[in-house]
Protein backbone atom coordinates (compact mmCIF):
# COMPACT_ATOMS: atom_id res chain seq x y z
CA UNK A 1 0.00 0.00 0.00
CA UNK A 2 1.23 3.50 -0.78
CA UNK A 3 0.00 6.99 0.01
CA UNK A 4 -0.29 9.63 -2.72
CA UNK A 5 1.42 12.94 -1.91
CA UNK A 6 0.02 16.37 -2.76
CA UNK A 7 2.16 16.26 -5.93
CA UNK A 8 0.62 12.93 -6.99
CA UNK A 9 3.75 10.95 -6.09
CA UNK A 10 4.02 7.58 -4.40
CA UNK A 11 6.92 5.64 -2.92
CA UNK A 12 7.37 2.23 -4.49
CA UNK A 13 8.04 -0.29 -1.71
CA UNK A 14 11.55 -1.80 -1.69
CA UNK A 15 10.18 -5.31 -2.30
CA UNK A 16 8.51 -4.14 -5.53
CA UNK A 17 11.63 -2.22 -6.62
CA UNK A 18 13.69 -5.39 -6.18
CA UNK A 19 11.21 -7.52 -8.13
CA UNK A 20 11.17 -5.00 -11.00
CA UNK A 21 14.93 -4.35 -10.73
CA UNK A 22 14.30 -0.61 -10.34
CA UNK A 23 17.06 1.78 -9.34
CA UNK A 24 17.03 5.50 -8.61
CA UNK A 25 16.43 7.42 -11.83
CA UNK A 26 14.84 4.49 -13.68
CA UNK A 27 11.59 5.10 -15.50
CA UNK A 28 8.47 3.02 -15.03
CA UNK A 29 5.47 2.41 -17.24
CA UNK A 30 1.90 2.23 -16.03
CA UNK A 31 0.02 -0.37 -18.03
CA UNK A 32 -3.76 -0.56 -17.72
CA UNK A 33 -5.82 -3.67 -18.19
CA UNK A 34 -9.49 -3.15 -17.52
CA UNK A 35 -9.74 -1.38 -14.18
CA UNK A 36 -6.28 -2.56 -13.05
CA UNK A 37 -2.98 -0.74 -13.37
CA UNK A 38 0.33 -2.58 -13.60
CA UNK A 39 3.73 -1.05 -12.95
CA UNK A 40 6.58 -2.20 -15.21
CA UNK A 41 10.23 -1.35 -15.62
CA UNK A 42 9.99 0.73 -18.81
CA UNK A 43 13.32 -0.53 -20.19
CA UNK A 44 12.25 -4.14 -19.85
CA UNK A 45 8.82 -3.30 -21.25
CA UNK A 46 10.43 -1.71 -24.33
CA UNK A 47 12.55 -4.82 -24.87
CA UNK A 48 9.51 -7.06 -24.51
CA UNK A 49 7.54 -4.94 -27.00
CA UNK A 50 10.43 -5.03 -29.48
CA UNK A 51 10.63 -8.81 -29.17
CA UNK A 52 6.90 -9.08 -29.81
CA UNK A 53 7.19 -6.79 -32.85
CA UNK A 54 9.85 -9.05 -34.36
CA UNK A 55 8.10 -12.29 -33.43
CA UNK A 56 8.10 -14.56 -36.44
CA UNK A 57 10.73 -12.48 -38.27
CA UNK A 58 13.52 -15.03 -37.77
CA UNK A 59 11.41 -17.92 -39.01
CA UNK A 60 10.30 -15.90 -42.02
CA UNK A 61 13.94 -15.54 -43.07
CA UNK A 62 14.89 -19.15 -42.28
CA UNK A 63 16.79 -18.38 -39.10
CA UNK A 64 16.24 -21.42 -36.91
CA UNK A 65 19.03 -21.14 -34.34
CA UNK A 66 20.90 -18.46 -32.43
CA UNK A 67 23.93 -19.35 -34.57
CA UNK A 68 21.91 -18.55 -37.72
CA UNK A 69 21.11 -15.09 -36.34
CA UNK A 70 24.74 -14.46 -35.33
CA UNK A 71 25.94 -15.51 -38.79
CA UNK A 72 23.43 -13.18 -40.46
CA UNK A 73 24.57 -10.26 -38.30
CA UNK A 74 28.22 -11.01 -39.17
CA UNK A 75 27.37 -11.13 -42.88
CA UNK A 76 25.49 -7.83 -42.74
CA UNK A 77 28.36 -6.19 -40.84
CA UNK A 78 30.84 -7.49 -43.44
CA UNK A 79 28.72 -6.10 -46.28
CA UNK A 80 28.43 -2.71 -44.58
CA UNK A 81 32.19 -2.61 -43.94
CA UNK A 82 32.94 -3.50 -47.55
CA UNK A 83 30.60 -0.80 -48.88
CA UNK A 84 32.09 1.79 -46.56
CA UNK A 85 35.79 0.99 -47.02
CA UNK A 86 36.09 -0.91 -50.33
CA UNK A 87 36.72 2.22 -52.41
CA UNK A 88 38.94 4.01 -49.90
CA UNK A 89 42.28 2.60 -51.09
PDB file of N, CA and C in Angstrom:
ATOM      1  N   UNK A   1       0.845  -1.168   0.000  1.00  0.00           N
ATOM      2  CA  UNK A   1       0.000   0.000   0.000  1.00  0.00           C
ATOM      3  C   UNK A   1       0.890   1.231   0.000  1.00  0.00           C
ATOM      4  N   UNK A   2       0.470   2.258  -0.720  1.00  0.00           N
ATOM      5  CA  UNK A   2       1.232   3.501  -0.779  1.00  0.00           C
ATOM      6  C   UNK A   2       0.282   4.684  -0.686  1.00  0.00           C
ATOM      7  N   UNK A   3       0.790   5.772  -0.134  1.00  0.00           N
ATOM      8  CA  UNK A   3       0.004   6.992   0.010  1.00  0.00           C
ATOM      9  C   UNK A   3       0.417   7.974  -1.081  1.00  0.00           C
ATOM     10  N   UNK A   4      -0.552   8.639  -1.683  1.00  0.00           N
ATOM     11  CA  UNK A   4      -0.287   9.627  -2.725  1.00  0.00           C
ATOM     12  C   UNK A   4      -0.018  10.976  -2.063  1.00  0.00           C
ATOM     13  N   UNK A   5       1.087  11.622  -2.466  1.00  0.00           N
ATOM     14  CA  UNK A   5       1.421  12.938  -1.915  1.00  0.00           C
ATOM     15  C   UNK A   5       0.607  14.017  -2.624  1.00  0.00           C
ATOM     16  N   UNK A   6       0.744  15.250  -2.141  1.00  0.00           N
ATOM     17  CA  UNK A   6       0.018  16.368  -2.763  1.00  0.00           C
ATOM     18  C   UNK A   6       0.464  16.602  -4.205  1.00  0.00           C
ATOM     19  N   UNK A   7       1.661  16.125  -4.560  1.00  0.00           N
ATOM     20  CA  UNK A   7       2.162  16.255  -5.933  1.00  0.00           C
ATOM     21  C   UNK A   7       1.814  15.033  -6.789  1.00  0.00           C
ATOM     22  N   UNK A   8       1.022  14.123  -6.239  1.00  0.00           N
ATOM     23  CA  UNK A   8       0.623  12.930  -6.992  1.00  0.00           C
ATOM     24  C   UNK A   8       1.682  11.843  -7.012  1.00  0.00           C
ATOM     25  N   UNK A   9       2.656  11.923  -6.125  1.00  0.00           N
ATOM     26  CA  UNK A   9       3.745  10.952  -6.091  1.00  0.00           C
ATOM     27  C   UNK A   9       3.471   9.852  -5.080  1.00  0.00           C
ATOM     28  N   UNK A  10       4.075   8.683  -5.351  1.00  0.00           N
ATOM     29  CA  UNK A  10       4.017   7.577  -4.398  1.00  0.00           C
ATOM     30  C   UNK A  10       5.430   7.026  -4.228  1.00  0.00           C
ATOM     31  N   UNK A  11       5.660   6.345  -3.129  1.00  0.00           N
ATOM     32  CA  UNK A  11       6.919   5.640  -2.920  1.00  0.00           C
ATOM     33  C   UNK A  11       6.671   4.182  -3.241  1.00  0.00           C
ATOM     34  N   UNK A  12       7.500   3.640  -4.126  1.00  0.00           N
ATOM     35  CA  UNK A  12       7.371   2.226  -4.488  1.00  0.00           C
ATOM     36  C   UNK A  12       8.096   1.420  -3.416  1.00  0.00           C
ATOM     37  N   UNK A  13       7.406   0.500  -2.763  1.00  0.00           N
ATOM     38  CA  UNK A  13       8.040  -0.292  -1.706  1.00  0.00           C
ATOM     39  C   UNK A  13       9.289  -1.023  -2.216  1.00  0.00           C
ATOM     40  N   UNK A  14      10.274  -1.177  -1.336  1.00  0.00           N
ATOM     41  CA  UNK A  14      11.547  -1.798  -1.686  1.00  0.00           C
ATOM     42  C   UNK A  14      11.363  -3.190  -2.292  1.00  0.00           C
ATOM     43  N   UNK A  15      10.400  -3.962  -1.777  1.00  0.00           N
ATOM     44  CA  UNK A  15      10.181  -5.311  -2.304  1.00  0.00           C
ATOM     45  C   UNK A  15       9.791  -5.256  -3.784  1.00  0.00           C
ATOM     46  N   UNK A  16       8.953  -4.298  -4.139  1.00  0.00           N
ATOM     47  CA  UNK A  16       8.510  -4.142  -5.527  1.00  0.00           C
ATOM     48  C   UNK A  16       9.668  -3.653  -6.388  1.00  0.00           C
ATOM     49  N   UNK A  17      10.472  -2.719  -5.860  1.00  0.00           N
ATOM     50  CA  UNK A  17      11.629  -2.223  -6.622  1.00  0.00           C
ATOM     51  C   UNK A  17      12.611  -3.350  -6.912  1.00  0.00           C
ATOM     52  N   UNK A  18      12.790  -4.244  -5.958  1.00  0.00           N
ATOM     53  CA  UNK A  18      13.692  -5.388  -6.179  1.00  0.00           C
ATOM     54  C   UNK A  18      13.129  -6.325  -7.242  1.00  0.00           C
ATOM     55  N   UNK A  19      11.851  -6.620  -7.161  1.00  0.00           N
ATOM     56  CA  UNK A  19      11.213  -7.521  -8.133  1.00  0.00           C
ATOM     57  C   UNK A  19      11.334  -6.957  -9.544  1.00  0.00           C
ATOM     58  N   UNK A  20      11.124  -5.643  -9.687  1.00  0.00           N
ATOM     59  CA  UNK A  20      11.167  -5.001 -11.003  1.00  0.00           C
ATOM     60  C   UNK A  20      12.570  -4.535 -11.389  1.00  0.00           C
ATOM     61  N   UNK A  21      13.541  -4.769 -10.508  1.00  0.00           N
ATOM     62  CA  UNK A  21      14.930  -4.345 -10.735  1.00  0.00           C
ATOM     63  C   UNK A  21      14.990  -2.852 -11.026  1.00  0.00           C
ATOM     64  N   UNK A  22      14.343  -2.067 -10.179  1.00  0.00           N
ATOM     65  CA  UNK A  22      14.298  -0.613 -10.343  1.00  0.00           C
ATOM     66  C   UNK A  22      15.348   0.048  -9.466  1.00  0.00           C
ATOM     67  N   UNK A  23      16.054   1.001 -10.061  1.00  0.00           N
ATOM     68  CA  UNK A  23      17.062   1.777  -9.344  1.00  0.00           C
ATOM     69  C   UNK A  23      16.665   3.256  -9.421  1.00  0.00           C
ATOM     70  N   UNK A  24      17.297   4.065  -8.591  1.00  0.00           N
ATOM     71  CA  UNK A  24      17.030   5.503  -8.610  1.00  0.00           C
ATOM     72  C   UNK A  24      17.264   6.055 -10.013  1.00  0.00           C
ATOM     73  N   UNK A  25      16.318   6.821 -10.506  1.00  0.00           N
ATOM     74  CA  UNK A  25      16.432   7.419 -11.830  1.00  0.00           C
ATOM     75  C   UNK A  25      15.803   6.594 -12.941  1.00  0.00           C
ATOM     76  N   UNK A  26      15.496   5.317 -12.668  1.00  0.00           N
ATOM     77  CA  UNK A  26      14.837   4.485 -13.680  1.00  0.00           C
ATOM     78  C   UNK A  26      13.448   5.031 -13.964  1.00  0.00           C
ATOM     79  N   UNK A  27      12.950   4.710 -15.134  1.00  0.00           N
ATOM     80  CA  UNK A  27      11.590   5.096 -15.496  1.00  0.00           C
ATOM     81  C   UNK A  27      10.698   3.870 -15.427  1.00  0.00           C
ATOM     82  N   UNK A  28       9.440   4.110 -15.093  1.00  0.00           N
ATOM     83  CA  UNK A  28       8.466   3.024 -15.029  1.00  0.00           C
ATOM     84  C   UNK A  28       7.319   3.325 -15.985  1.00  0.00           C
ATOM     85  N   UNK A  29       6.639   2.271 -16.374  1.00  0.00           N
ATOM     86  CA  UNK A  29       5.470   2.410 -17.242  1.00  0.00           C
ATOM     87  C   UNK A  29       4.256   1.924 -16.470  1.00  0.00           C
ATOM     88  N   UNK A  30       3.165   2.648 -16.615  1.00  0.00           N
ATOM     89  CA  UNK A  30       1.903   2.234 -16.027  1.00  0.00           C
ATOM     90  C   UNK A  30       1.076   1.621 -17.150  1.00  0.00           C
ATOM     91  N   UNK A  31       0.757   0.352 -17.009  1.00  0.00           N
ATOM     92  CA  UNK A  31       0.018  -0.373 -18.034  1.00  0.00           C
ATOM     93  C   UNK A  31      -1.357  -0.693 -17.475  1.00  0.00           C
ATOM     94  N   UNK A  32      -2.401  -0.298 -18.199  1.00  0.00           N
ATOM     95  CA  UNK A  32      -3.756  -0.564 -17.720  1.00  0.00           C
ATOM     96  C   UNK A  32      -4.336  -1.778 -18.424  1.00  0.00           C
ATOM     97  N   UNK A  33      -5.101  -2.514 -17.666  1.00  0.00           N
ATOM     98  CA  UNK A  33      -5.824  -3.675 -18.189  1.00  0.00           C
ATOM     99  C   UNK A  33      -7.167  -3.700 -17.466  1.00  0.00           C
ATOM    100  N   UNK A  34      -8.193  -3.283 -18.177  1.00  0.00           N
ATOM    101  CA  UNK A  34      -9.490  -3.153 -17.517  1.00  0.00           C
ATOM    102  C   UNK A  34      -9.403  -2.056 -16.471  1.00  0.00           C
ATOM    103  N   UNK A  35      -9.810  -2.379 -15.248  1.00  0.00           N
ATOM    104  CA  UNK A  35      -9.738  -1.383 -14.179  1.00  0.00           C
ATOM    105  C   UNK A  35      -8.508  -1.584 -13.292  1.00  0.00           C
ATOM    106  N   UNK A  36      -7.513  -2.326 -13.795  1.00  0.00           N
ATOM    107  CA  UNK A  36      -6.278  -2.561 -13.048  1.00  0.00           C
ATOM    108  C   UNK A  36      -5.127  -1.804 -13.704  1.00  0.00           C
ATOM    109  N   UNK A  37      -4.178  -1.418 -12.879  1.00  0.00           N
ATOM    110  CA  UNK A  37      -2.981  -0.743 -13.369  1.00  0.00           C
ATOM    111  C   UNK A  37      -1.775  -1.557 -12.925  1.00  0.00           C
ATOM    112  N   UNK A  38      -0.888  -1.834 -13.881  1.00  0.00           N
ATOM    113  CA  UNK A  38       0.328  -2.583 -13.605  1.00  0.00           C
ATOM    114  C   UNK A  38       1.520  -1.660 -13.763  1.00  0.00           C
ATOM    115  N   UNK A  39       2.505  -1.831 -12.908  1.00  0.00           N
ATOM    116  CA  UNK A  39       3.730  -1.053 -12.947  1.00  0.00           C
ATOM    117  C   UNK A  39       4.819  -1.932 -13.550  1.00  0.00           C
ATOM    118  N   UNK A  40       5.515  -1.422 -14.573  1.00  0.00           N
ATOM    119  CA  UNK A  40       6.580  -2.197 -15.206  1.00  0.00           C
ATOM    120  C   UNK A  40       7.822  -1.340 -15.365  1.00  0.00           C
ATOM    121  N   UNK A  41       8.967  -2.000 -15.319  1.00  0.00           N
ATOM    122  CA  UNK A  41      10.232  -1.348 -15.624  1.00  0.00           C
ATOM    123  C   UNK A  41      10.167  -0.978 -17.100  1.00  0.00           C
ATOM    124  N   UNK A  42      10.231   0.314 -17.430  1.00  0.00           N
ATOM    125  CA  UNK A  42       9.992   0.732 -18.815  1.00  0.00           C
ATOM    126  C   UNK A  42      11.047   0.204 -19.778  1.00  0.00           C
ATOM    127  N   UNK A  43      12.282   0.026 -19.321  1.00  0.00           N
ATOM    128  CA  UNK A  43      13.322  -0.531 -20.190  1.00  0.00           C
ATOM    129  C   UNK A  43      12.982  -1.961 -20.565  1.00  0.00           C
ATOM    130  N   UNK A  44      12.596  -2.745 -19.578  1.00  0.00           N
ATOM    131  CA  UNK A  44      12.249  -4.143 -19.849  1.00  0.00           C
ATOM    132  C   UNK A  44      10.972  -4.232 -20.679  1.00  0.00           C
ATOM    133  N   UNK A  45      10.044  -3.317 -20.462  1.00  0.00           N
ATOM    134  CA  UNK A  45       8.818  -3.296 -21.253  1.00  0.00           C
ATOM    135  C   UNK A  45       9.145  -2.994 -22.711  1.00  0.00           C
ATOM    136  N   UNK A  46      10.042  -2.052 -22.954  1.00  0.00           N
ATOM    137  CA  UNK A  46      10.428  -1.710 -24.328  1.00  0.00           C
ATOM    138  C   UNK A  46      11.074  -2.901 -25.020  1.00  0.00           C
ATOM    139  N   UNK A  47      11.912  -3.629 -24.295  1.00  0.00           N
ATOM    140  CA  UNK A  47      12.552  -4.820 -24.867  1.00  0.00           C
ATOM    141  C   UNK A  47      11.502  -5.868 -25.200  1.00  0.00           C
ATOM    142  N   UNK A  48      10.565  -6.071 -24.281  1.00  0.00           N
ATOM    143  CA  UNK A  48       9.505  -7.056 -24.511  1.00  0.00           C
ATOM    144  C   UNK A  48       8.665  -6.677 -25.729  1.00  0.00           C
ATOM    145  N   UNK A  49       8.337  -5.394 -25.857  1.00  0.00           N
ATOM    146  CA  UNK A  49       7.541  -4.937 -27.002  1.00  0.00           C
ATOM    147  C   UNK A  49       8.310  -5.098 -28.312  1.00  0.00           C
ATOM    148  N   UNK A  50       9.612  -4.844 -28.277  1.00  0.00           N
ATOM    149  CA  UNK A  50      10.432  -5.032 -29.483  1.00  0.00           C
ATOM    150  C   UNK A  50      10.477  -6.505 -29.874  1.00  0.00           C
ATOM    151  N   UNK A  51      10.621  -7.375 -28.884  1.00  0.00           N
ATOM    152  CA  UNK A  51      10.633  -8.811 -29.167  1.00  0.00           C
ATOM    153  C   UNK A  51       9.310  -9.243 -29.783  1.00  0.00           C
ATOM    154  N   UNK A  52       8.214  -8.724 -29.269  1.00  0.00           N
ATOM    155  CA  UNK A  52       6.904  -9.079 -29.812  1.00  0.00           C
ATOM    156  C   UNK A  52       6.755  -8.567 -31.240  1.00  0.00           C
ATOM    157  N   UNK A  53       7.290  -7.366 -31.512  1.00  0.00           N
ATOM    158  CA  UNK A  53       7.187  -6.792 -32.851  1.00  0.00           C
ATOM    159  C   UNK A  53       7.943  -7.629 -33.874  1.00  0.00           C
ATOM    160  N   UNK A  54       9.044  -8.249 -33.446  1.00  0.00           N
ATOM    161  CA  UNK A  54       9.854  -9.052 -34.361  1.00  0.00           C
ATOM    162  C   UNK A  54       9.523 -10.539 -34.305  1.00  0.00           C
ATOM    163  N   UNK A  55       8.496 -10.888 -33.537  1.00  0.00           N
ATOM    164  CA  UNK A  55       8.105 -12.291 -33.428  1.00  0.00           C
ATOM    165  C   UNK A  55       7.770 -12.837 -34.813  1.00  0.00           C
ATOM    166  N   UNK A  56       8.351 -13.944 -35.150  1.00  0.00           N
ATOM    167  CA  UNK A  56       8.099 -14.556 -36.444  1.00  0.00           C
ATOM    168  C   UNK A  56       9.063 -14.103 -37.523  1.00  0.00           C
ATOM    169  N   UNK A  57       9.794 -13.011 -37.284  1.00  0.00           N
ATOM    170  CA  UNK A  57      10.734 -12.476 -38.266  1.00  0.00           C
ATOM    171  C   UNK A  57      11.828 -13.484 -38.584  1.00  0.00           C
ATOM    172  N   UNK A  58      12.420 -14.086 -37.560  1.00  0.00           N
ATOM    173  CA  UNK A  58      13.519 -15.034 -37.775  1.00  0.00           C
ATOM    174  C   UNK A  58      13.063 -16.223 -38.606  1.00  0.00           C
ATOM    175  N   UNK A  59      11.912 -16.772 -38.263  1.00  0.00           N
ATOM    176  CA  UNK A  59      11.406 -17.924 -39.006  1.00  0.00           C
ATOM    177  C   UNK A  59      11.131 -17.561 -40.460  1.00  0.00           C
ATOM    178  N   UNK A  60      10.622 -16.355 -40.674  1.00  0.00           N
ATOM    179  CA  UNK A  60      10.301 -15.896 -42.022  1.00  0.00           C
ATOM    180  C   UNK A  60      11.543 -15.872 -42.914  1.00  0.00           C
ATOM    181  N   UNK A  61      12.700 -15.605 -42.309  1.00  0.00           N
ATOM    182  CA  UNK A  61      13.942 -15.541 -43.066  1.00  0.00           C
ATOM    183  C   UNK A  61      14.789 -16.807 -42.914  1.00  0.00           C
ATOM    184  N   UNK A  62      14.194 -17.876 -42.384  1.00  0.00           N
ATOM    185  CA  UNK A  62      14.889 -19.155 -42.284  1.00  0.00           C
ATOM    186  C   UNK A  62      15.946 -19.216 -41.204  1.00  0.00           C
ATOM    187  N   UNK A  63      15.830 -18.369 -40.204  1.00  0.00           N
ATOM    188  CA  UNK A  63      16.789 -18.376 -39.101  1.00  0.00           C
ATOM    189  C   UNK A  63      16.229 -19.258 -37.993  1.00  0.00           C
ATOM    190  N   UNK A  64      16.814 -20.449 -37.850  1.00  0.00           N
ATOM    191  CA  UNK A  64      16.243 -21.420 -36.906  1.00  0.00           C
ATOM    192  C   UNK A  64      16.978 -21.479 -35.582  1.00  0.00           C
ATOM    193  N   UNK A  65      18.239 -21.057 -35.573  1.00  0.00           N
ATOM    194  CA  UNK A  65      19.027 -21.135 -34.344  1.00  0.00           C
ATOM    195  C   UNK A  65      19.665 -19.787 -34.043  1.00  0.00           C
ATOM    196  N   UNK A  66      20.177 -19.672 -32.820  1.00  0.00           N
ATOM    197  CA  UNK A  66      20.896 -18.461 -32.433  1.00  0.00           C
ATOM    198  C   UNK A  66      22.117 -18.285 -33.339  1.00  0.00           C
ATOM    199  N   UNK A  67      22.753 -19.387 -33.684  1.00  0.00           N
ATOM    200  CA  UNK A  67      23.926 -19.345 -34.569  1.00  0.00           C
ATOM    201  C   UNK A  67      23.559 -18.761 -35.938  1.00  0.00           C
ATOM    202  N   UNK A  68      22.378 -19.110 -36.449  1.00  0.00           N
ATOM    203  CA  UNK A  68      21.915 -18.549 -37.724  1.00  0.00           C
ATOM    204  C   UNK A  68      21.810 -17.026 -37.641  1.00  0.00           C
ATOM    205  N   UNK A  69      21.272 -16.537 -36.535  1.00  0.00           N
ATOM    206  CA  UNK A  69      21.112 -15.091 -36.344  1.00  0.00           C
ATOM    207  C   UNK A  69      22.483 -14.421 -36.252  1.00  0.00           C
ATOM    208  N   UNK A  70      23.389 -15.017 -35.475  1.00  0.00           N
ATOM    209  CA  UNK A  70      24.739 -14.465 -35.330  1.00  0.00           C
ATOM    210  C   UNK A  70      25.435 -14.410 -36.684  1.00  0.00           C
ATOM    211  N   UNK A  71      25.317 -15.480 -37.464  1.00  0.00           N
ATOM    212  CA  UNK A  71      25.943 -15.508 -38.787  1.00  0.00           C
ATOM    213  C   UNK A  71      25.368 -14.437 -39.711  1.00  0.00           C
ATOM    214  N   UNK A  72      24.059 -14.222 -39.643  1.00  0.00           N
ATOM    215  CA  UNK A  72      23.432 -13.184 -40.459  1.00  0.00           C
ATOM    216  C   UNK A  72      23.962 -11.803 -40.072  1.00  0.00           C
ATOM    217  N   UNK A  73      24.060 -11.547 -38.775  1.00  0.00           N
ATOM    218  CA  UNK A  73      24.575 -10.261 -38.302  1.00  0.00           C
ATOM    219  C   UNK A  73      26.008 -10.058 -38.787  1.00  0.00           C
ATOM    220  N   UNK A  74      26.836 -11.105 -38.696  1.00  0.00           N
ATOM    221  CA  UNK A  74      28.224 -11.009 -39.172  1.00  0.00           C
ATOM    222  C   UNK A  74      28.269 -10.701 -40.668  1.00  0.00           C
ATOM    223  N   UNK A  75      27.416 -11.346 -41.434  1.00  0.00           N
ATOM    224  CA  UNK A  75      27.370 -11.133 -42.881  1.00  0.00           C
ATOM    225  C   UNK A  75      26.953  -9.698 -43.205  1.00  0.00           C
ATOM    226  N   UNK A  76      25.951  -9.200 -42.508  1.00  0.00           N
ATOM    227  CA  UNK A  76      25.491  -7.826 -42.737  1.00  0.00           C
ATOM    228  C   UNK A  76      26.591  -6.829 -42.369  1.00  0.00           C
ATOM    229  N   UNK A  77      27.263  -7.071 -41.244  1.00  0.00           N
ATOM    230  CA  UNK A  77      28.364  -6.188 -40.840  1.00  0.00           C
ATOM    231  C   UNK A  77      29.474  -6.189 -41.891  1.00  0.00           C
ATOM    232  N   UNK A  78      29.803  -7.375 -42.420  1.00  0.00           N
ATOM    233  CA  UNK A  78      30.842  -7.489 -43.439  1.00  0.00           C
ATOM    234  C   UNK A  78      30.456  -6.689 -44.680  1.00  0.00           C
ATOM    235  N   UNK A  79      29.199  -6.825 -45.099  1.00  0.00           N
ATOM    236  CA  UNK A  79      28.722  -6.097 -46.278  1.00  0.00           C
ATOM    237  C   UNK A  79      28.783  -4.584 -46.062  1.00  0.00           C
ATOM    238  N   UNK A  80      28.384  -4.141 -44.891  1.00  0.00           N
ATOM    239  CA  UNK A  80      28.433  -2.708 -44.580  1.00  0.00           C
ATOM    240  C   UNK A  80      29.876  -2.220 -44.588  1.00  0.00           C
ATOM    241  N   UNK A  81      30.777  -2.992 -43.985  1.00  0.00           N
ATOM    242  CA  UNK A  81      32.187  -2.612 -43.941  1.00  0.00           C
ATOM    243  C   UNK A  81      32.754  -2.515 -45.351  1.00  0.00           C
ATOM    244  N   UNK A  82      32.436  -3.499 -46.180  1.00  0.00           N
ATOM    245  CA  UNK A  82      32.945  -3.497 -47.555  1.00  0.00           C
ATOM    246  C   UNK A  82      32.433  -2.285 -48.338  1.00  0.00           C
ATOM    247  N   UNK A  83      31.162  -1.960 -48.176  1.00  0.00           N
ATOM    248  CA  UNK A  83      30.604  -0.797 -48.879  1.00  0.00           C
ATOM    249  C   UNK A  83      31.266   0.496 -48.412  1.00  0.00           C
ATOM    250  N   UNK A  84      31.543   0.566 -47.126  1.00  0.00           N
ATOM    251  CA  UNK A  84      32.095   1.792 -46.561  1.00  0.00           C
ATOM    252  C   UNK A  84      33.570   1.970 -46.903  1.00  0.00           C
ATOM    253  N   UNK A  85      34.342   0.873 -46.887  1.00  0.00           N
ATOM    254  CA  UNK A  85      35.790   0.990 -47.024  1.00  0.00           C
ATOM    255  C   UNK A  85      36.370   0.404 -48.310  1.00  0.00           C
ATOM    256  N   UNK A  86      35.577  -0.249 -49.127  1.00  0.00           N
ATOM    257  CA  UNK A  86      36.092  -0.913 -50.330  1.00  0.00           C
ATOM    258  C   UNK A  86      36.735   0.063 -51.309  1.00  0.00           C
ATOM    259  N   UNK A  87      36.213   1.252 -51.436  1.00  0.00           N
ATOM    260  CA  UNK A  87      36.722   2.220 -52.411  1.00  0.00           C
ATOM    261  C   UNK A  87      37.641   3.268 -51.798  1.00  0.00           C
ATOM    262  N   UNK A  88      38.078   3.037 -50.583  1.00  0.00           N
ATOM    263  CA  UNK A  88      38.938   4.014 -49.903  1.00  0.00           C
ATOM    264  C   UNK A  88      40.398   3.584 -49.910  1.00  0.00           C
ATOM    265  N   UNK A  89      40.895   3.078 -51.014  1.00  0.00           N
ATOM    266  CA  UNK A  89      42.285   2.596 -51.091  1.00  0.00           C
ATOM    267  C   UNK A  89      43.281   3.708 -51.144  1.00  0.00           C
TER     268      UNK A  89
END
